[in-house]
């Protein structure tokens, strides 16, 4: 069974001052009930990046440039108001919401 949209949320993480330092993350509320924590994310070993992000509750992480490309393709809507629904839909189509064995 996959994760429901109610079990997810969008967290915005800023790793710096520049616009390219902002990331939009689809987060698993079950693993990160209080939100994703940038201080923990900074300590991740880059060799195991995907696994460690997933363990912290991050399902998908996108920059504004990546979102702009998805908007250009018509995959996500232009405003941030629908970002949660749109990223959830993208992740569902890509199989990212199914439990990992």
Protein backbone atom coordinates (compact mmCIF):
# COMPACT_ATOMS: atom_id res chain seq x y z
CA UNK A 1 0.00 0.00 0.00
CA UNK A 2 1.35 3.42 -0.89
CA UNK A 3 1.51 6.53 1.27
CA UNK A 4 -1.64 8.66 1.15
CA UNK A 5 -1.51 12.37 0.42
CA UNK A 6 -2.66 13.03 4.00
CA UNK A 7 0.50 11.31 5.22
CA UNK A 8 2.67 13.77 3.30
CA UNK A 9 3.31 17.50 3.23
CA UNK A 10 5.54 20.02 1.50
CA UNK A 11 8.48 21.33 3.52
CA UNK A 12 10.56 24.22 2.24
CA UNK A 13 14.20 23.96 3.26
CA UNK A 14 16.69 26.81 2.88
CA UNK A 15 20.35 25.79 2.98
CA UNK A 16 21.57 29.32 2.28
CA UNK A 17 20.57 32.84 1.30
CA UNK A 18 20.33 32.43 -2.48
CA UNK A 19 17.18 31.32 -4.33
CA UNK A 20 19.02 28.23 -5.60
CA UNK A 21 19.62 27.22 -1.96
CA UNK A 22 15.86 26.67 -1.45
CA UNK A 23 14.46 23.17 -1.83
CA UNK A 24 10.86 22.01 -1.91
CA UNK A 25 10.49 18.59 -0.34
CA UNK A 26 7.63 16.14 -0.33
CA UNK A 27 7.94 14.81 3.22
CA UNK A 28 6.55 11.71 4.90
CA UNK A 29 4.67 12.91 8.00
CA UNK A 30 5.05 9.48 9.60
CA UNK A 31 8.86 9.74 9.61
CA UNK A 32 9.10 13.52 10.12
CA UNK A 33 6.03 14.54 12.14
CA UNK A 34 7.62 17.88 13.10
CA UNK A 35 9.01 18.58 9.64
CA UNK A 36 12.30 17.89 7.94
CA UNK A 37 15.26 19.21 9.90
CA UNK A 38 17.92 20.97 7.82
CA UNK A 39 20.54 20.50 10.54
CA UNK A 40 20.17 16.70 10.25
CA UNK A 41 20.08 16.86 6.47
CA UNK A 42 23.42 18.72 6.40
CA UNK A 43 25.08 15.76 8.13
CA UNK A 44 24.07 13.21 5.49
CA UNK A 45 26.80 11.15 3.88
CA UNK A 46 26.62 12.02 0.16
CA UNK A 47 27.48 8.42 -0.80
CA UNK A 48 24.16 7.28 0.71
CA UNK A 49 22.20 10.43 -0.05
CA UNK A 50 18.93 8.88 -1.26
CA UNK A 51 18.74 6.29 1.52
CA UNK A 52 19.54 8.78 4.27
CA UNK A 53 17.10 11.40 2.97
CA UNK A 54 14.40 8.73 2.81
CA UNK A 55 15.16 7.66 6.40
CA UNK A 56 14.68 11.28 7.53
CA UNK A 57 11.29 11.39 5.78
CA UNK A 58 12.19 13.13 2.52
CA UNK A 59 10.42 11.46 -0.40
CA UNK A 60 11.47 13.95 -3.09
CA UNK A 61 13.52 17.16 -3.08
CA UNK A 62 13.36 19.73 -5.86
CA UNK A 63 14.95 23.07 -6.58
CA UNK A 64 13.07 25.96 -8.13
CA UNK A 65 14.89 25.22 -11.42
CA UNK A 66 13.63 21.62 -11.37
CA UNK A 67 10.10 22.81 -10.60
CA UNK A 68 10.36 25.31 -13.47
CA UNK A 69 11.18 22.45 -15.83
CA UNK A 70 8.19 20.44 -14.56
CA UNK A 71 6.01 23.52 -15.04
CA UNK A 72 7.33 23.92 -18.59
CA UNK A 73 6.37 20.32 -19.30
CA UNK A 74 2.92 20.85 -17.80
CA UNK A 75 3.53 18.31 -15.03
CA UNK A 76 3.00 20.78 -12.18
CA UNK A 77 0.89 23.92 -12.09
CA UNK A 78 2.56 27.34 -12.13
CA UNK A 79 1.67 28.36 -8.56
CA UNK A 80 2.95 26.98 -5.27
CA UNK A 81 -0.64 26.67 -3.99
CA UNK A 82 -1.02 23.27 -5.67
CA UNK A 83 2.57 22.08 -5.20
CA UNK A 84 1.68 19.46 -2.60
CA UNK A 85 -0.91 17.79 -4.83
CA UNK A 86 1.28 18.07 -7.92
CA UNK A 87 4.47 16.67 -6.36
CA UNK A 88 2.49 13.91 -4.70
CA UNK A 89 1.05 13.01 -8.12
CA UNK A 90 4.51 13.03 -9.76
CA UNK A 91 5.96 10.84 -7.00
CA UNK A 92 3.03 8.43 -7.23
CA UNK A 93 3.48 8.08 -11.00
CA UNK A 94 7.22 7.51 -10.54
CA UNK A 95 6.69 4.82 -7.87
CA UNK A 96 8.30 6.78 -5.04
CA UNK A 97 5.37 6.35 -2.68
CA UNK A 98 5.34 2.57 -2.54
CA UNK A 99 6.88 0.97 0.55
CA UNK A 100 10.52 0.03 0.09
CA UNK A 101 11.31 -3.60 0.76
